[in-house]
Amino acid sequence: MNVRKYLMWIFAALMMPGVAQAAQYNAPEVIRSGEIESIDLAANSMIVEGHRYFVSQSAQVEIGGTYGAFTMLSTGMRISFQYRRYDDGRREIFSVRELLSNEYLEQA
């Protein structure tokens, strides 16, 4: 009986990180726009309007109305993007689109 209780505690301890990750994965999605101030290709992140955002490896990127890649973005570009904000405060972009010259930035 004592061994069974011990095994249940081990099982519960192993399941806790999965529960925490599941809560973080259901993070709310937010849409923003702004100008890229800096890009860190090594960290897969960029600063837009003073906030650091990490960019998902699988993020959809659109530049000039066609498919692009994170590495094709540059400082000074005006973009619209969607991101998830996680419980730990991290912001991760999963979709980014370059704004055309006649499109306006949305004010938050």
N, C-alpha and C. Protein backbone atom coordinates (compact mmCIF):
# COMPACT_ATOMS: atom_id res chain seq x y z
N MET A 1 0.83 -1.19 0.00
CA MET A 1 0.00 0.00 0.00
C MET A 1 0.87 1.26 0.00
N ASN A 2 1.94 1.27 0.78
CA ASN A 2 2.83 2.41 0.85
C ASN A 2 3.51 2.67 -0.49
N VAL A 3 3.85 1.62 -1.22
CA VAL A 3 4.48 1.75 -2.53
C VAL A 3 3.50 2.38 -3.52
N ARG A 4 2.24 1.99 -3.42
CA ARG A 4 1.22 2.55 -4.32
C ARG A 4 1.08 4.06 -4.11
N LYS A 5 1.06 4.50 -2.86
CA LYS A 5 0.96 5.93 -2.55
C LYS A 5 2.18 6.66 -3.09
N TYR A 6 3.35 6.06 -2.94
CA TYR A 6 4.59 6.65 -3.44
C TYR A 6 4.55 6.81 -4.96
N LEU A 7 4.08 5.78 -5.67
CA LEU A 7 3.98 5.85 -7.12
C LEU A 7 2.97 6.91 -7.58
N MET A 8 1.89 7.08 -6.84
CA MET A 8 0.90 8.10 -7.18
C MET A 8 1.51 9.49 -7.05
N TRP A 9 2.33 9.71 -6.02
CA TRP A 9 2.99 11.01 -5.84
C TRP A 9 3.96 11.29 -6.98
N ILE A 10 4.69 10.28 -7.39
CA ILE A 10 5.63 10.44 -8.50
C ILE A 10 4.87 10.78 -9.78
N PHE A 11 3.78 10.07 -10.04
CA PHE A 11 2.97 10.32 -11.23
C PHE A 11 2.42 11.75 -11.21
N ALA A 12 1.91 12.19 -10.08
CA ALA A 12 1.36 13.55 -9.96
C ALA A 12 2.45 14.59 -10.20
N ALA A 13 3.64 14.37 -9.67
CA ALA A 13 4.75 15.31 -9.84
C ALA A 13 5.17 15.39 -11.30
N LEU A 14 5.14 14.27 -12.00
CA LEU A 14 5.53 14.27 -13.41
C LEU A 14 4.49 14.95 -14.29
N MET A 15 3.24 14.94 -13.88
CA MET A 15 2.17 15.54 -14.67
C MET A 15 2.07 17.05 -14.48
N MET A 16 2.58 17.61 -13.40
CA MET A 16 2.43 19.04 -13.12
C MET A 16 3.00 19.94 -14.21
N PRO A 17 4.19 19.71 -14.75
CA PRO A 17 4.69 20.60 -15.80
C PRO A 17 3.78 20.61 -17.03
N GLY A 18 3.19 19.48 -17.37
CA GLY A 18 2.28 19.41 -18.51
C GLY A 18 1.04 20.24 -18.29
N VAL A 19 0.52 20.26 -17.08
CA VAL A 19 -0.65 21.06 -16.76
C VAL A 19 -0.31 22.54 -16.87
N ALA A 20 0.87 22.94 -16.38
CA ALA A 20 1.30 24.34 -16.45
C ALA A 20 1.48 24.76 -17.90
N GLN A 21 2.06 23.90 -18.72
CA GLN A 21 2.25 24.24 -20.13
C GLN A 21 0.92 24.36 -20.85
N ALA A 22 -0.03 23.50 -20.52
CA ALA A 22 -1.34 23.56 -21.17
C ALA A 22 -2.01 24.89 -20.86
N ALA A 23 -1.87 25.38 -19.64
CA ALA A 23 -2.47 26.67 -19.28
C ALA A 23 -1.81 27.80 -20.06
N GLN A 24 -0.51 27.71 -20.26
CA GLN A 24 0.20 28.75 -21.01
C GLN A 24 -0.13 28.68 -22.49
N TYR A 25 -0.38 27.50 -23.01
CA TYR A 25 -0.62 27.36 -24.44
C TYR A 25 -1.93 28.03 -24.86
N ASN A 26 -2.89 28.07 -23.97
CA ASN A 26 -4.17 28.70 -24.28
C ASN A 26 -4.12 30.19 -24.02
N ALA A 27 -3.01 30.81 -24.37
CA ALA A 27 -2.83 32.24 -24.16
C ALA A 27 -3.72 33.03 -25.10
N PRO A 28 -4.19 34.20 -24.65
CA PRO A 28 -5.03 35.02 -25.52
C PRO A 28 -4.24 35.56 -26.72
N GLU A 29 -4.94 35.67 -27.85
CA GLU A 29 -4.31 36.21 -29.07
C GLU A 29 -4.64 37.69 -29.19
N VAL A 30 -3.63 38.46 -29.57
CA VAL A 30 -3.76 39.92 -29.66
C VAL A 30 -3.30 40.36 -31.05
N ILE A 31 -3.96 41.37 -31.61
CA ILE A 31 -3.56 41.95 -32.90
C ILE A 31 -3.04 43.36 -32.65
N ARG A 32 -1.86 43.67 -33.19
CA ARG A 32 -1.25 44.99 -33.04
C ARG A 32 -0.61 45.39 -34.36
N SER A 33 -0.21 46.64 -34.43
CA SER A 33 0.59 47.11 -35.56
C SER A 33 1.60 48.12 -35.03
N GLY A 34 2.67 48.31 -35.77
CA GLY A 34 3.70 49.25 -35.35
C GLY A 34 4.89 49.19 -36.28
N GLU A 35 5.91 49.94 -35.91
CA GLU A 35 7.13 50.00 -36.70
C GLU A 35 8.22 49.19 -36.00
N ILE A 36 8.94 48.39 -36.78
CA ILE A 36 10.03 47.57 -36.23
C ILE A 36 11.19 48.49 -35.87
N GLU A 37 11.59 48.47 -34.60
CA GLU A 37 12.71 49.30 -34.15
C GLU A 37 14.04 48.55 -34.22
N SER A 38 14.01 47.25 -33.90
CA SER A 38 15.23 46.44 -34.01
C SER A 38 14.85 44.97 -34.13
N ILE A 39 15.77 44.21 -34.73
CA ILE A 39 15.56 42.78 -34.94
C ILE A 39 16.79 42.04 -34.44
N ASP A 40 16.57 40.95 -33.71
CA ASP A 40 17.65 40.08 -33.23
C ASP A 40 17.43 38.71 -33.85
N LEU A 41 18.12 38.43 -34.95
CA LEU A 41 17.92 37.17 -35.66
C LEU A 41 18.35 35.98 -34.82
N ALA A 42 19.41 36.13 -34.04
CA ALA A 42 19.91 35.02 -33.22
C ALA A 42 18.89 34.61 -32.16
N ALA A 43 18.19 35.58 -31.58
CA ALA A 43 17.20 35.29 -30.53
C ALA A 43 15.80 35.13 -31.11
N ASN A 44 15.66 35.29 -32.42
CA ASN A 44 14.35 35.21 -33.07
C ASN A 44 13.35 36.16 -32.42
N SER A 45 13.78 37.41 -32.25
CA SER A 45 12.92 38.39 -31.61
C SER A 45 13.08 39.75 -32.29
N MET A 46 12.14 40.62 -31.99
CA MET A 46 12.21 41.99 -32.50
C MET A 46 11.52 42.93 -31.53
N ILE A 47 11.88 44.20 -31.63
CA ILE A 47 11.26 45.23 -30.80
C ILE A 47 10.38 46.07 -31.71
N VAL A 48 9.10 46.15 -31.33
CA VAL A 48 8.12 46.94 -32.07
C VAL A 48 7.47 47.90 -31.09
N GLU A 49 7.58 49.19 -31.39
CA GLU A 49 6.99 50.23 -30.54
C GLU A 49 7.39 50.07 -29.07
N GLY A 50 8.65 49.72 -28.83
CA GLY A 50 9.18 49.64 -27.48
C GLY A 50 8.95 48.34 -26.74
N HIS A 51 8.31 47.35 -27.36
CA HIS A 51 8.05 46.07 -26.71
C HIS A 51 8.78 44.95 -27.47
N ARG A 52 9.38 44.02 -26.70
CA ARG A 52 10.07 42.88 -27.31
C ARG A 52 9.07 41.76 -27.56
N TYR A 53 9.13 41.22 -28.77
CA TYR A 53 8.29 40.10 -29.16
C TYR A 53 9.20 39.00 -29.70
N PHE A 54 8.96 37.77 -29.27
CA PHE A 54 9.65 36.62 -29.85
C PHE A 54 8.81 36.17 -31.04
N VAL A 55 9.46 35.67 -32.07
CA VAL A 55 8.77 35.24 -33.28
C VAL A 55 8.84 33.72 -33.36
N SER A 56 7.68 33.09 -33.47
CA SER A 56 7.59 31.63 -33.56
C SER A 56 8.35 31.13 -34.78
N GLN A 57 8.97 29.96 -34.66
CA GLN A 57 9.68 29.36 -35.79
C GLN A 57 8.72 29.09 -36.95
N SER A 58 7.43 28.88 -36.64
CA SER A 58 6.44 28.57 -37.67
C SER A 58 5.57 29.78 -38.02
N ALA A 59 6.02 30.98 -37.66
CA ALA A 59 5.22 32.18 -37.91
C ALA A 59 4.99 32.39 -39.41
N GLN A 60 3.78 32.82 -39.74
CA GLN A 60 3.45 33.18 -41.13
C GLN A 60 3.90 34.62 -41.35
N VAL A 61 4.72 34.84 -42.37
CA VAL A 61 5.25 36.17 -42.66
C VAL A 61 4.85 36.56 -44.09
N GLU A 62 4.29 37.76 -44.23
CA GLU A 62 3.90 38.27 -45.54
C GLU A 62 4.59 39.61 -45.76
N ILE A 63 5.36 39.71 -46.85
CA ILE A 63 6.07 40.95 -47.18
C ILE A 63 5.72 41.34 -48.60
N GLY A 64 5.26 42.56 -48.75
CA GLY A 64 4.90 43.05 -50.09
C GLY A 64 3.76 42.26 -50.72
N GLY A 65 2.89 41.69 -49.91
CA GLY A 65 1.75 40.95 -50.43
C GLY A 65 2.03 39.51 -50.81
N THR A 66 3.24 39.02 -50.52
CA THR A 66 3.58 37.65 -50.86
C THR A 66 4.30 36.99 -49.68
N TYR A 67 4.52 35.67 -49.77
CA TYR A 67 5.17 34.92 -48.70
C TYR A 67 6.56 35.48 -48.42
N GLY A 68 6.90 35.54 -47.14
CA GLY A 68 8.22 36.01 -46.73
C GLY A 68 8.73 35.17 -45.58
N ALA A 69 9.82 35.60 -45.00
CA ALA A 69 10.43 34.92 -43.86
C ALA A 69 10.85 35.95 -42.83
N PHE A 70 10.99 35.53 -41.59
CA PHE A 70 11.40 36.42 -40.51
C PHE A 70 12.70 37.14 -40.85
N THR A 71 13.62 36.44 -41.50
CA THR A 71 14.92 37.03 -41.83
C THR A 71 14.81 38.12 -42.89
N MET A 72 13.67 38.23 -43.56
CA MET A 72 13.47 39.25 -44.59
C MET A 72 12.91 40.55 -44.01
N LEU A 73 12.49 40.53 -42.76
CA LEU A 73 12.00 41.75 -42.12
C LEU A 73 13.18 42.67 -41.83
N SER A 74 12.93 43.97 -41.79
CA SER A 74 14.01 44.91 -41.49
C SER A 74 13.50 46.06 -40.63
N THR A 75 14.42 46.73 -39.96
CA THR A 75 14.05 47.85 -39.12
C THR A 75 13.41 48.94 -39.97
N GLY A 76 12.45 49.63 -39.39
CA GLY A 76 11.74 50.68 -40.09
C GLY A 76 10.49 50.21 -40.81
N MET A 77 10.34 48.89 -40.98
CA MET A 77 9.13 48.37 -41.63
C MET A 77 7.92 48.59 -40.73
N ARG A 78 6.82 48.95 -41.36
CA ARG A 78 5.55 49.06 -40.64
C ARG A 78 4.82 47.73 -40.82
N ILE A 79 4.40 47.14 -39.71
CA ILE A 79 3.81 45.80 -39.76
C ILE A 79 2.52 45.73 -38.95
N SER A 80 1.72 44.76 -39.30
CA SER A 80 0.57 44.35 -38.50
C SER A 80 0.89 42.92 -38.08
N PHE A 81 0.64 42.57 -36.82
CA PHE A 81 1.01 41.23 -36.36
C PHE A 81 0.04 40.71 -35.31
N GLN A 82 0.01 39.39 -35.20
CA GLN A 82 -0.78 38.71 -34.18
C GLN A 82 0.19 37.97 -33.25
N TYR A 83 -0.10 38.04 -31.96
CA TYR A 83 0.79 37.37 -31.02
C TYR A 83 -0.01 36.79 -29.86
N ARG A 84 0.63 35.90 -29.14
CA ARG A 84 0.07 35.33 -27.92
C ARG A 84 0.86 35.85 -26.74
N ARG A 85 0.16 36.21 -25.69
CA ARG A 85 0.81 36.66 -24.45
C ARG A 85 0.67 35.53 -23.43
N TYR A 86 1.80 35.02 -22.98
CA TYR A 86 1.80 33.88 -22.07
C TYR A 86 1.83 34.34 -20.61
N ASP A 87 1.54 33.41 -19.71
CA ASP A 87 1.48 33.71 -18.28
C ASP A 87 2.78 34.28 -17.74
N ASP A 88 3.91 33.86 -18.32
CA ASP A 88 5.22 34.33 -17.84
C ASP A 88 5.57 35.71 -18.40
N GLY A 89 4.66 36.34 -19.16
CA GLY A 89 4.89 37.68 -19.70
C GLY A 89 5.47 37.69 -21.11
N ARG A 90 5.87 36.53 -21.59
CA ARG A 90 6.47 36.43 -22.93
C ARG A 90 5.40 36.67 -23.99
N ARG A 91 5.79 37.39 -25.05
CA ARG A 91 4.91 37.65 -26.19
C ARG A 91 5.51 36.94 -27.40
N GLU A 92 4.71 36.11 -28.08
CA GLU A 92 5.22 35.36 -29.23
C GLU A 92 4.34 35.62 -30.45
N ILE A 93 4.96 36.17 -31.49
CA ILE A 93 4.26 36.46 -32.74
C ILE A 93 4.10 35.17 -33.53
N PHE A 94 2.88 34.96 -34.06
CA PHE A 94 2.65 33.80 -34.91
C PHE A 94 2.23 34.20 -36.33
N SER A 95 1.98 35.49 -36.54
CA SER A 95 1.62 35.99 -37.88
C SER A 95 2.04 37.45 -37.99
N VAL A 96 2.73 37.79 -39.08
CA VAL A 96 3.17 39.18 -39.28
C VAL A 96 3.01 39.53 -40.76
N ARG A 97 2.55 40.77 -41.01
CA ARG A 97 2.31 41.22 -42.37
C ARG A 97 2.82 42.65 -42.52
N GLU A 98 3.61 42.89 -43.57
CA GLU A 98 4.07 44.25 -43.84
C GLU A 98 2.88 45.08 -44.29
N LEU A 99 2.76 46.27 -43.71
CA LEU A 99 1.68 47.18 -44.11
C LEU A 99 2.07 47.90 -45.39
N LEU A 100 1.10 48.08 -46.27
CA LEU A 100 1.35 48.83 -47.50
C LEU A 100 1.47 50.30 -47.18
N SER A 101 2.02 51.07 -48.10
CA SER A 101 2.25 52.50 -47.84
C SER A 101 0.95 53.27 -47.59
N ASN A 102 -0.17 52.78 -48.11
CA ASN A 102 -1.44 53.50 -47.92
C ASN A 102 -2.25 52.97 -46.72
N GLU A 103 -1.70 52.04 -45.96
CA GLU A 103 -2.36 51.50 -44.77
C GLU A 103 -1.88 52.26 -43.54
N TYR A 104 -2.78 52.49 -42.61
CA TYR A 104 -2.43 53.22 -41.40
C TYR A 104 -2.15 52.26 -40.26
N LEU A 105 -1.28 52.71 -39.36
CA LEU A 105 -1.03 51.96 -38.13
C LEU A 105 -2.22 52.12 -37.21
N GLU A 106 -2.65 51.02 -36.60
CA GLU A 106 -3.73 51.09 -35.61
C GLU A 106 -3.14 51.55 -34.29
N GLN A 107 -3.78 52.47 -33.67
CA GLN A 107 -3.30 52.97 -32.37
C GLN A 107 -3.88 52.11 -31.26
N ALA A 108 -3.01 51.64 -30.37
CA ALA A 108 -3.45 50.79 -29.27
C ALA A 108 -4.01 51.61 -28.13
